[in-house]
Amino acid sequence: MEPNQQNKINIELSDEVAEGIYSNLAIITHSRSEFVIDFVKMLPGIPKAKVKSRIILTPQHTKRLLKALQENIKKFEQMHGNIVDTDMEQIPFSLGGPTAQA
């Protein structure tokens, strides 16, 4: 086996997962040992929103994800121009624990 092949990971992507899930809100909570990111789909005029996917990460992996997102946003903006960050109204709910929104 060549040295380059040893470092490759074979990742399988099912058709269902490949379709993806639309989300227009992320709710982030954390404990001492993990970060929980809930991806939510909110629709205009509908007061109830659904969590469509939940990802649980270690703090270390969360930091690696943040770095990867920052690098990819930088590359995207170099190719397509700045992403305009629109102000979002404060959403009046809490899931308990420290919360941030993205």
PDB file of N, CA and C in Angstrom:
ATOM      1  N   MET A   1       0.845  -1.181   0.000  1.00  0.00           N
ATOM      2  CA  MET A   1       0.000   0.000   0.000  1.00  0.00           C
ATOM      3  C   MET A   1       0.889   1.243   0.000  1.00  0.00           C
ATOM      4  N   GLU A   2       0.578   2.182  -0.869  1.00  0.00           N
ATOM      5  CA  GLU A   2       1.353   3.410  -0.949  1.00  0.00           C
ATOM      6  C   GLU A   2       1.098   4.271   0.284  1.00  0.00           C
ATOM      7  N   PRO A   3       2.095   5.062   0.736  1.00  0.00           N
ATOM      8  CA  PRO A   3       1.924   5.905   1.926  1.00  0.00           C
ATOM      9  C   PRO A   3       0.741   6.858   1.815  1.00  0.00           C
ATOM     10  N   ASN A   4       0.460   7.363   0.621  1.00  0.00           N
ATOM     11  CA  ASN A   4      -0.654   8.292   0.423  1.00  0.00           C
ATOM     12  C   ASN A   4      -1.999   7.624   0.690  1.00  0.00           C
ATOM     13  N   GLN A   5      -2.125   6.350   0.351  1.00  0.00           N
ATOM     14  CA  GLN A   5      -3.383   5.631   0.527  1.00  0.00           C
ATOM     15  C   GLN A   5      -3.673   5.329   1.999  1.00  0.00           C
ATOM     16  N   GLN A   6      -2.650   5.247   2.830  1.00  0.00           N
ATOM     17  CA  GLN A   6      -2.832   4.965   4.250  1.00  0.00           C
ATOM     18  C   GLN A   6      -3.604   6.104   4.935  1.00  0.00           C
ATOM     19  N   ASN A   7      -3.446   7.332   4.487  1.00  0.00           N
ATOM     20  CA  ASN A   7      -4.055   8.484   5.132  1.00  0.00           C
ATOM     21  C   ASN A   7      -5.447   8.811   4.595  1.00  0.00           C
ATOM     22  N   LYS A   8      -5.937   8.066   3.626  1.00  0.00           N
ATOM     23  CA  LYS A   8      -7.244   8.333   3.046  1.00  0.00           C
ATOM     24  C   LYS A   8      -8.329   7.629   3.835  1.00  0.00           C
ATOM     25  N   ILE A   9      -9.471   8.298   3.960  1.00  0.00           N
ATOM     26  CA  ILE A   9     -10.621   7.716   4.636  1.00  0.00           C
ATOM     27  C   ILE A   9     -11.699   7.472   3.596  1.00  0.00           C
ATOM     28  N   ASN A  10     -12.259   6.300   3.600  1.00  0.00           N
ATOM     29  CA  ASN A  10     -13.339   5.963   2.690  1.00  0.00           C
ATOM     30  C   ASN A  10     -14.650   6.371   3.363  1.00  0.00           C
ATOM     31  N   ILE A  11     -15.310   7.405   2.847  1.00  0.00           N
ATOM     32  CA  ILE A  11     -16.537   7.923   3.439  1.00  0.00           C
ATOM     33  C   ILE A  11     -17.711   7.540   2.552  1.00  0.00           C
ATOM     34  N   GLU A  12     -18.706   6.909   3.162  1.00  0.00           N
ATOM     35  CA  GLU A  12     -19.898   6.495   2.434  1.00  0.00           C
ATOM     36  C   GLU A  12     -20.998   7.535   2.640  1.00  0.00           C
ATOM     37  N   LEU A  13     -21.698   7.881   1.581  1.00  0.00           N
ATOM     38  CA  LEU A  13     -22.776   8.867   1.624  1.00  0.00           C
ATOM     39  C   LEU A  13     -24.017   8.252   0.995  1.00  0.00           C
ATOM     40  N   SER A  14     -25.024   7.974   1.841  1.00  0.00           N
ATOM     41  CA  SER A  14     -26.244   7.370   1.317  1.00  0.00           C
ATOM     42  C   SER A  14     -27.017   8.401   0.500  1.00  0.00           C
ATOM     43  N   ASP A  15     -27.919   7.930  -0.357  1.00  0.00           N
ATOM     44  CA  ASP A  15     -28.727   8.841  -1.173  1.00  0.00           C
ATOM     45  C   ASP A  15     -29.555   9.774  -0.292  1.00  0.00           C
ATOM     46  N   GLU A  16     -30.116   9.251   0.779  1.00  0.00           N
ATOM     47  CA  GLU A  16     -30.950  10.059   1.680  1.00  0.00           C
ATOM     48  C   GLU A  16     -30.144  11.190   2.320  1.00  0.00           C
ATOM     49  N   VAL A  17     -28.959  10.878   2.816  1.00  0.00           N
ATOM     50  CA  VAL A  17     -28.118  11.895   3.444  1.00  0.00           C
ATOM     51  C   VAL A  17     -27.603  12.878   2.403  1.00  0.00           C
ATOM     52  N   ALA A  18     -27.319  12.398   1.204  1.00  0.00           N
ATOM     53  CA  ALA A  18     -26.808  13.260   0.132  1.00  0.00           C
ATOM     54  C   ALA A  18     -27.813  14.339  -0.265  1.00  0.00           C
ATOM     55  N   GLU A  19     -29.106  14.082  -0.071  1.00  0.00           N
ATOM     56  CA  GLU A  19     -30.126  15.087  -0.378  1.00  0.00           C
ATOM     57  C   GLU A  19     -30.000  16.308   0.513  1.00  0.00           C
ATOM     58  N   GLY A  20     -29.498  16.134   1.718  1.00  0.00           N
ATOM     59  CA  GLY A  20     -29.322  17.240   2.639  1.00  0.00           C
ATOM     60  C   GLY A  20     -30.622  17.632   3.322  1.00  0.00           C
ATOM     61  N   ILE A  21     -30.495  18.511   4.310  1.00  0.00           N
ATOM     62  CA  ILE A  21     -31.634  19.022   5.061  1.00  0.00           C
ATOM     63  C   ILE A  21     -31.505  20.537   5.105  1.00  0.00           C
ATOM     64  N   TYR A  22     -32.571  21.246   4.744  1.00  0.00           N
ATOM     65  CA  TYR A  22     -32.545  22.708   4.764  1.00  0.00           C
ATOM     66  C   TYR A  22     -32.696  23.203   6.199  1.00  0.00           C
ATOM     67  N   SER A  23     -31.888  24.191   6.566  1.00  0.00           N
ATOM     68  CA  SER A  23     -31.963  24.819   7.876  1.00  0.00           C
ATOM     69  C   SER A  23     -31.692  26.303   7.708  1.00  0.00           C
ATOM     70  N   ASN A  24     -32.475  27.136   8.407  1.00  0.00           N
ATOM     71  CA  ASN A  24     -32.220  28.570   8.376  1.00  0.00           C
ATOM     72  C   ASN A  24     -31.996  29.135   9.768  1.00  0.00           C
ATOM     73  N   LEU A  25     -31.736  28.251  10.732  1.00  0.00           N
ATOM     74  CA  LEU A  25     -31.407  28.665  12.096  1.00  0.00           C
ATOM     75  C   LEU A  25     -30.610  27.555  12.758  1.00  0.00           C
ATOM     76  N   ALA A  26     -29.562  27.924  13.453  1.00  0.00           N
ATOM     77  CA  ALA A  26     -28.801  26.957  14.244  1.00  0.00           C
ATOM     78  C   ALA A  26     -28.831  27.417  15.697  1.00  0.00           C
ATOM     79  N   ILE A  27     -29.149  26.502  16.590  1.00  0.00           N
ATOM     80  CA  ILE A  27     -29.157  26.791  18.017  1.00  0.00           C
ATOM     81  C   ILE A  27     -28.028  25.978  18.637  1.00  0.00           C
ATOM     82  N   ILE A  28     -27.146  26.660  19.344  1.00  0.00           N
ATOM     83  CA  ILE A  28     -25.959  26.013  19.886  1.00  0.00           C
ATOM     84  C   ILE A  28     -26.009  26.043  21.405  1.00  0.00           C
ATOM     85  N   THR A  29     -25.887  24.877  22.013  1.00  0.00           N
ATOM     86  CA  THR A  29     -25.773  24.777  23.467  1.00  0.00           C
ATOM     87  C   THR A  29     -24.519  23.970  23.768  1.00  0.00           C
ATOM     88  N   HIS A  30     -24.045  24.060  24.992  1.00  0.00           N
ATOM     89  CA  HIS A  30     -22.844  23.302  25.330  1.00  0.00           C
ATOM     90  C   HIS A  30     -22.819  22.945  26.807  1.00  0.00           C
ATOM     91  N   SER A  31     -22.076  21.909  27.082  1.00  0.00           N
ATOM     92  CA  SER A  31     -21.750  21.516  28.446  1.00  0.00           C
ATOM     93  C   SER A  31     -20.233  21.526  28.540  1.00  0.00           C
ATOM     94  N   ARG A  32     -19.721  21.055  29.625  1.00  0.00           N
ATOM     95  CA  ARG A  32     -18.261  21.005  29.779  1.00  0.00           C
ATOM     96  C   ARG A  32     -17.609  20.058  28.770  1.00  0.00           C
ATOM     97  N   SER A  33     -18.349  19.046  28.336  1.00  0.00           N
ATOM     98  CA  SER A  33     -17.726  18.015  27.504  1.00  0.00           C
ATOM     99  C   SER A  33     -18.207  17.962  26.061  1.00  0.00           C
ATOM    100  N   GLU A  34     -19.268  18.745  25.707  1.00  0.00           N
ATOM    101  CA  GLU A  34     -19.755  18.655  24.340  1.00  0.00           C
ATOM    102  C   GLU A  34     -20.503  19.904  23.914  1.00  0.00           C
ATOM    103  N   PHE A  35     -20.549  20.089  22.598  1.00  0.00           N
ATOM    104  CA  PHE A  35     -21.359  21.136  21.976  1.00  0.00           C
ATOM    105  C   PHE A  35     -22.486  20.430  21.238  1.00  0.00           C
ATOM    106  N   VAL A  36     -23.682  20.992  21.330  1.00  0.00           N
ATOM    107  CA  VAL A  36     -24.833  20.455  20.626  1.00  0.00           C
ATOM    108  C   VAL A  36     -25.328  21.538  19.675  1.00  0.00           C
ATOM    109  N   ILE A  37     -25.391  21.214  18.392  1.00  0.00           N
ATOM    110  CA  ILE A  37     -25.889  22.155  17.394  1.00  0.00           C
ATOM    111  C   ILE A  37     -27.171  21.580  16.822  1.00  0.00           C
ATOM    112  N   ASP A  38     -28.273  22.294  17.060  1.00  0.00           N
ATOM    113  CA  ASP A  38     -29.563  21.920  16.504  1.00  0.00           C
ATOM    114  C   ASP A  38     -29.818  22.778  15.276  1.00  0.00           C
ATOM    115  N   PHE A  39     -30.056  22.138  14.154  1.00  0.00           N
ATOM    116  CA  PHE A  39     -30.372  22.833  12.915  1.00  0.00           C
ATOM    117  C   PHE A  39     -31.891  22.841  12.766  1.00  0.00           C
ATOM    118  N   VAL A  40     -32.455  24.050  12.664  1.00  0.00           N
ATOM    119  CA  VAL A  40     -33.896  24.252  12.701  1.00  0.00           C
ATOM    120  C   VAL A  40     -34.375  24.818  11.367  1.00  0.00           C
ATOM    121  N   LYS A  41     -35.587  24.430  10.990  1.00  0.00           N
ATOM    122  CA  LYS A  41     -36.238  24.985   9.804  1.00  0.00           C
ATOM    123  C   LYS A  41     -37.424  25.822  10.281  1.00  0.00           C
ATOM    124  N   MET A  42     -37.327  27.145  10.066  1.00  0.00           N
ATOM    125  CA  MET A  42     -38.411  28.059  10.419  1.00  0.00           C
ATOM    126  C   MET A  42     -39.084  28.531   9.139  1.00  0.00           C
ATOM    127  N   LEU A  43     -40.410  28.593   9.150  1.00  0.00           N
ATOM    128  CA  LEU A  43     -41.142  29.071   7.990  1.00  0.00           C
ATOM    129  C   LEU A  43     -41.899  30.340   8.346  1.00  0.00           C
ATOM    130  N   PRO A  44     -41.969  31.306   7.435  1.00  0.00           N
ATOM    131  CA  PRO A  44     -42.674  32.557   7.709  1.00  0.00           C
ATOM    132  C   PRO A  44     -44.135  32.304   8.070  1.00  0.00           C
ATOM    133  N   GLY A  45     -44.603  32.999   9.108  1.00  0.00           N
ATOM    134  CA  GLY A  45     -45.999  32.908   9.500  1.00  0.00           C
ATOM    135  C   GLY A  45     -46.357  31.670  10.293  1.00  0.00           C
ATOM    136  N   ILE A  46     -45.404  30.791  10.529  1.00  0.00           N
ATOM    137  CA  ILE A  46     -45.677  29.578  11.307  1.00  0.00           C
ATOM    138  C   ILE A  46     -44.891  29.675  12.619  1.00  0.00           C
ATOM    139  N   PRO A  47     -45.611  29.772  13.753  1.00  0.00           N
ATOM    140  CA  PRO A  47     -44.936  30.006  15.034  1.00  0.00           C
ATOM    141  C   PRO A  47     -44.157  28.805  15.558  1.00  0.00           C
ATOM    142  N   LYS A  48     -44.398  27.617  15.014  1.00  0.00           N
ATOM    143  CA  LYS A  48     -43.707  26.426  15.487  1.00  0.00           C
ATOM    144  C   LYS A  48     -42.622  26.032  14.486  1.00  0.00           C
ATOM    145  N   ALA A  49     -41.415  25.831  15.002  1.00  0.00           N
ATOM    146  CA  ALA A  49     -40.297  25.422  14.150  1.00  0.00           C
ATOM    147  C   ALA A  49     -39.834  24.035  14.586  1.00  0.00           C
ATOM    148  N   LYS A  50     -39.253  23.289  13.664  1.00  0.00           N
ATOM    149  CA  LYS A  50     -38.802  21.934  13.964  1.00  0.00           C
ATOM    150  C   LYS A  50     -37.289  21.829  13.874  1.00  0.00           C
ATOM    151  N   VAL A  51     -36.716  21.112  14.837  1.00  0.00           N
ATOM    152  CA  VAL A  51     -35.307  20.739  14.732  1.00  0.00           C
ATOM    153  C   VAL A  51     -35.237  19.643  13.674  1.00  0.00           C
ATOM    154  N   LYS A  52     -34.464  19.894  12.625  1.00  0.00           N
ATOM    155  CA  LYS A  52     -34.354  18.943  11.525  1.00  0.00           C
ATOM    156  C   LYS A  52     -33.157  18.006  11.677  1.00  0.00           C
ATOM    157  N   SER A  53     -32.151  18.473  12.434  1.00  0.00           N
ATOM    158  CA  SER A  53     -30.959  17.657  12.630  1.00  0.00           C
ATOM    159  C   SER A  53     -30.221  18.140  13.874  1.00  0.00           C
ATOM    160  N   ARG A  54     -29.617  17.231  14.604  1.00  0.00           N
ATOM    161  CA  ARG A  54     -28.822  17.572  15.783  1.00  0.00           C
ATOM    162  C   ARG A  54     -27.445  16.943  15.624  1.00  0.00           C
ATOM    163  N   ILE A  55     -26.416  17.758  15.818  1.00  0.00           N
ATOM    164  CA  ILE A  55     -25.037  17.283  15.743  1.00  0.00           C
ATOM    165  C   ILE A  55     -24.399  17.510  17.117  1.00  0.00           C
ATOM    166  N   ILE A  56     -23.754  16.485  17.648  1.00  0.00           N
ATOM    167  CA  ILE A  56     -23.087  16.576  18.945  1.00  0.00           C
ATOM    168  C   ILE A  56     -21.591  16.420  18.706  1.00  0.00           C
ATOM    169  N   LEU A  57     -20.814  17.400  19.192  1.00  0.00           N
ATOM    170  CA  LEU A  57     -19.380  17.445  18.933  1.00  0.00           C
ATOM    171  C   LEU A  57     -18.596  17.623  20.225  1.00  0.00           C
ATOM    172  N   THR A  58     -17.361  17.143  20.239  1.00  0.00           N
ATOM    173  CA  THR A  58     -16.462  17.463  21.347  1.00  0.00           C
ATOM    174  C   THR A  58     -16.035  18.919  21.202  1.00  0.00           C
ATOM    175  N   PRO A  59     -15.589  19.559  22.293  1.00  0.00           N
ATOM    176  CA  PRO A  59     -15.100  20.937  22.167  1.00  0.00           C
ATOM    177  C   PRO A  59     -13.965  21.068  21.145  1.00  0.00           C
ATOM    178  N   GLN A  60     -13.075  20.081  21.101  1.00  0.00           N
ATOM    179  CA  GLN A  60     -11.957  20.133  20.159  1.00  0.00           C
ATOM    180  C   GLN A  60     -12.454  20.069  18.720  1.00  0.00           C
ATOM    181  N   HIS A  61     -13.400  19.191  18.454  1.00  0.00           N
ATOM    182  CA  HIS A  61     -13.911  19.074  17.093  1.00  0.00           C
ATOM    183  C   HIS A  61     -14.725  20.307  16.713  1.00  0.00           C
ATOM    184  N   THR A  62     -15.413  20.894  17.682  1.00  0.00           N
ATOM    185  CA  THR A  62     -16.163  22.125  17.424  1.00  0.00           C
ATOM    186  C   THR A  62     -15.213  23.231  16.990  1.00  0.00           C
ATOM    187  N   LYS A  63     -14.073  23.325  17.637  1.00  0.00           N
ATOM    188  CA  LYS A  63     -13.094  24.352  17.271  1.00  0.00           C
ATOM    189  C   LYS A  63     -12.528  24.092  15.877  1.00  0.00           C
ATOM    190  N   ARG A  64     -12.289  22.822  15.532  1.00  0.00           N
ATOM    191  CA  ARG A  64     -11.821  22.488  14.177  1.00  0.00           C
ATOM    192  C   ARG A  64     -12.888  22.830  13.138  1.00  0.00           C
ATOM    193  N   LEU A  65     -14.167  22.591  13.474  1.00  0.00           N
ATOM    194  CA  LEU A  65     -15.261  22.944  12.572  1.00  0.00           C
ATOM    195  C   LEU A  65     -15.315  24.452  12.363  1.00  0.00           C
ATOM    196  N   LEU A  66     -15.179  25.218  13.442  1.00  0.00           N
ATOM    197  CA  LEU A  66     -15.168  26.682  13.335  1.00  0.00           C
ATOM    198  C   LEU A  66     -14.054  27.142  12.406  1.00  0.00           C
ATOM    199  N   LYS A  67     -12.866  26.590  12.569  1.00  0.00           N
ATOM    200  CA  LYS A  67     -11.731  26.968  11.725  1.00  0.00           C
ATOM    201  C   LYS A  67     -11.999  26.620  10.260  1.00  0.00           C
ATOM    202  N   ALA A  68     -12.550  25.437  10.014  1.00  0.00           N
ATOM    203  CA  ALA A  68     -12.848  25.021   8.645  1.00  0.00           C
ATOM    204  C   ALA A  68     -13.911  25.923   8.020  1.00  0.00           C
ATOM    205  N   LEU A  69     -14.927  26.289   8.795  1.00  0.00           N
ATOM    206  CA  LEU A  69     -15.965  27.199   8.287  1.00  0.00           C
ATOM    207  C   LEU A  69     -15.370  28.572   7.962  1.00  0.00           C
ATOM    208  N   GLN A  70     -14.525  29.087   8.852  1.00  0.00           N
ATOM    209  CA  GLN A  70     -13.895  30.394   8.601  1.00  0.00           C
ATOM    210  C   GLN A  70     -13.061  30.366   7.323  1.00  0.00           C
ATOM    211  N   GLU A  71     -12.291  29.304   7.129  1.00  0.00           N
ATOM    212  CA  GLU A  71     -11.457  29.191   5.927  1.00  0.00           C
ATOM    213  C   GLU A  71     -12.325  29.102   4.668  1.00  0.00           C
ATOM    214  N   ASN A  72     -13.418  28.352   4.734  1.00  0.00           N
ATOM    215  CA  ASN A  72     -14.284  28.202   3.569  1.00  0.00           C
ATOM    216  C   ASN A  72     -15.073  29.469   3.276  1.00  0.00           C
ATOM    217  N   ILE A  73     -15.482  30.189   4.297  1.00  0.00           N
ATOM    218  CA  ILE A  73     -16.160  31.472   4.068  1.00  0.00           C
ATOM    219  C   ILE A  73     -15.204  32.450   3.398  1.00  0.00           C
ATOM    220  N   LYS A  74     -13.956  32.461   3.843  1.00  0.00           N
ATOM    221  CA  LYS A  74     -12.950  33.345   3.233  1.00  0.00           C
ATOM    222  C   LYS A  74     -12.778  33.012   1.747  1.00  0.00           C
ATOM    223  N   LYS A  75     -12.673  31.726   1.423  1.00  0.00           N
ATOM    224  CA  LYS A  75     -12.530  31.313   0.018  1.00  0.00           C
ATOM    225  C   LYS A  75     -13.774  31.677  -0.790  1.00  0.00           C
ATOM    226  N   PHE A  76     -14.962  31.455  -0.211  1.00  0.00           N
ATOM    227  CA  PHE A  76     -16.216  31.784  -0.888  1.00  0.00           C
ATOM    228  C   PHE A  76     -16.277  33.276  -1.204  1.00  0.00           C
ATOM    229  N   GLU A  77     -15.943  34.112  -0.212  1.00  0.00           N
ATOM    230  CA  GLU A  77     -16.023  35.565  -0.402  1.00  0.00           C
ATOM    231  C   GLU A  77     -14.977  36.062  -1.389  1.00  0.00           C
ATOM    232  N   GLN A  78     -13.839  35.406  -1.460  1.00  0.00           N
ATOM    233  CA  GLN A  78     -12.838  35.778  -2.461  1.00  0.00           C
ATOM    234  C   GLN A  78     -13.360  35.524  -3.870  1.00  0.00           C
ATOM    235  N   MET A  79     -14.166  34.486  -4.031  1.00  0.00           N
ATOM    236  CA  MET A  79     -14.698  34.136  -5.347  1.00  0.00           C
ATOM    237  C   MET A  79     -15.988  34.883  -5.682  1.00  0.00           C
ATOM    238  N   HIS A  80     -16.839  35.115  -4.674  1.00  0.00           N
ATOM    239  CA  HIS A  80     -18.192  35.607  -4.938  1.00  0.00           C
ATOM    240  C   HIS A  80     -18.523  36.942  -4.277  1.00  0.00           C
ATOM    241  N   GLY A  81     -17.603  37.524  -3.541  1.00  0.00           N
ATOM    242  CA  GLY A  81     -17.876  38.773  -2.838  1.00  0.00           C
ATOM    243  C   GLY A  81     -18.363  38.505  -1.417  1.00  0.00           C
ATOM    244  N   ASN A  82     -18.422  39.592  -0.649  1.00  0.00           N
ATOM    245  CA  ASN A  82     -18.777  39.473   0.764  1.00  0.00           C
ATOM    246  C   ASN A  82     -20.200  38.957   0.963  1.00  0.00           C
ATOM    247  N   ILE A  83     -20.351  38.119   1.968  1.00  0.00           N
ATOM    248  CA  ILE A  83     -21.668  37.653   2.383  1.00  0.00           C
ATOM    249  C   ILE A  83     -22.243  38.731   3.288  1.00  0.00           C
ATOM    250  N   VAL A  84     -23.442  39.198   2.964  1.00  0.00           N
ATOM    251  CA  VAL A  84     -24.080  40.235   3.765  1.00  0.00           C
ATOM    252  C   VAL A  84     -24.790  39.556   4.929  1.00  0.00           C
ATOM    253  N   ASP A  85     -24.422  39.960   6.137  1.00  0.00           N
ATOM    254  CA  ASP A  85     -25.030  39.409   7.345  1.00  0.00           C
ATOM    255  C   ASP A  85     -26.207  40.287   7.741  1.00  0.00           C
ATOM    256  N   THR A  86     -27.414  39.790   7.520  1.00  0.00           N
ATOM    257  CA  THR A  86     -28.597  40.563   7.867  1.00  0.00           C
ATOM    258  C   THR A  86     -28.930  40.346   9.338  1.00  0.00           C
ATOM    259  N   ASP A  87     -29.379  41.402   9.995  1.00  0.00           N
ATOM    260  CA  ASP A  87     -29.776  41.287  11.396  1.00  0.00           C
ATOM    261  C   ASP A  87     -31.042  40.459  11.494  1.00  0.00           C
ATOM    262  N   MET A  88     -31.025  39.526  12.433  1.00  0.00           N
ATOM    263  CA  MET A  88     -32.182  38.684  12.649  1.00  0.00           C
ATOM    264  C   MET A  88     -32.816  39.084  13.971  1.00  0.00           C
ATOM    265  N   GLU A  89     -34.137  39.180  13.989  1.00  0.00           N
ATOM    266  CA  GLU A  89     -34.805  39.519  15.228  1.00  0.00           C
ATOM    267  C   GLU A  89     -34.483  38.470  16.282  1.00  0.00           C
ATOM    268  N   GLN A  90     -34.437  38.927  17.550  1.00  0.00           N
ATOM    269  CA  GLN A  90     -34.190  37.999  18.645  1.00  0.00           C
ATOM    270  C   GLN A  90     -35.343  37.008  18.735  1.00  0.00           C
ATOM    271  N   ILE A  91     -35.035  35.749  18.795  1.00  0.00           N
ATOM    272  CA  ILE A  91     -36.055  34.716  18.864  1.00  0.00           C
ATOM    273  C   ILE A  91     -36.335  34.417  20.335  1.00  0.00           C
ATOM    274  N   PRO A  92     -37.595  34.558  20.783  1.00  0.00           N
ATOM    275  CA  PRO A  92     -37.911  34.425  22.214  1.00  0.00           C
ATOM    276  C   PRO A  92     -38.119  32.979  22.668  1.00  0.00           C
ATOM    277  N   PHE A  93     -37.032  32.237  22.835  1.00  0.00           N
ATOM    278  CA  PHE A  93     -37.158  30.896  23.393  1.00  0.00           C
ATOM    279  C   PHE A  93     -35.848  30.490  23.997  1.00  0.00           C
ATOM    280  N   SER A  94     -35.878  29.458  24.804  1.00  0.00           N
ATOM    281  CA  SER A  94     -34.668  28.950  25.429  1.00  0.00           C
ATOM    282  C   SER A  94     -34.789  27.439  25.554  1.00  0.00           C
ATOM    283  N   LEU A  95     -33.704  26.757  25.324  1.00  0.00           N
ATOM    284  CA  LEU A  95     -33.660  25.306  25.493  1.00  0.00           C
ATOM    285  C   LEU A  95     -32.912  24.928  26.756  1.00  0.00           C
ATOM    286  N   GLY A  96     -32.563  25.914  27.567  1.00  0.00           N
ATOM    287  CA  GLY A  96     -31.794  25.654  28.780  1.00  0.00           C
ATOM    288  C   GLY A  96     -30.316  25.630  28.490  1.00  0.00           C
ATOM    289  N   GLY A  97     -29.525  26.007  29.455  1.00  0.00           N
ATOM    290  CA  GLY A  97     -28.083  26.012  29.302  1.00  0.00           C
ATOM    291  C   GLY A  97     -27.605  27.202  28.483  1.00  0.00           C
ATOM    292  N   PRO A  98     -26.293  27.376  28.375  1.00  0.00           N
ATOM    293  CA  PRO A  98     -25.732  28.481  27.603  1.00  0.00           C
ATOM    294  C   PRO A  98     -26.123  28.335  26.135  1.00  0.00           C
ATOM    295  N   THR A  99     -26.604  29.408  25.527  1.00  0.00           N
ATOM    296  CA  THR A  99     -27.082  29.338  24.148  1.00  0.00           C
ATOM    297  C   THR A  99     -26.479  30.437  23.311  1.00  0.00           C
ATOM    298  N   ALA A 100     -26.155  30.100  22.073  1.00  0.00           N
ATOM    299  CA  ALA A 100     -25.725  31.076  21.086  1.00  0.00           C
ATOM    300  C   ALA A 100     -26.500  30.755  19.821  1.00  0.00           C
ATOM    301  N   GLN A 101     -26.611  31.709  18.925  1.00  0.00           N
ATOM    302  CA  GLN A 101     -27.328  31.487  17.676  1.00  0.00           C
ATOM    303  C   GLN A 101     -26.408  31.778  16.508  1.00  0.00           C
ATOM    304  N   ALA A 102     -26.623  31.055  15.428  1.00  0.00           N
ATOM    305  CA  ALA A 102     -25.843  31.298  14.214  1.00  0.00           C
ATOM    306  C   ALA A 102     -26.744  31.211  13.031  1.00  0.00           C
TER     307      ALA A 102
END
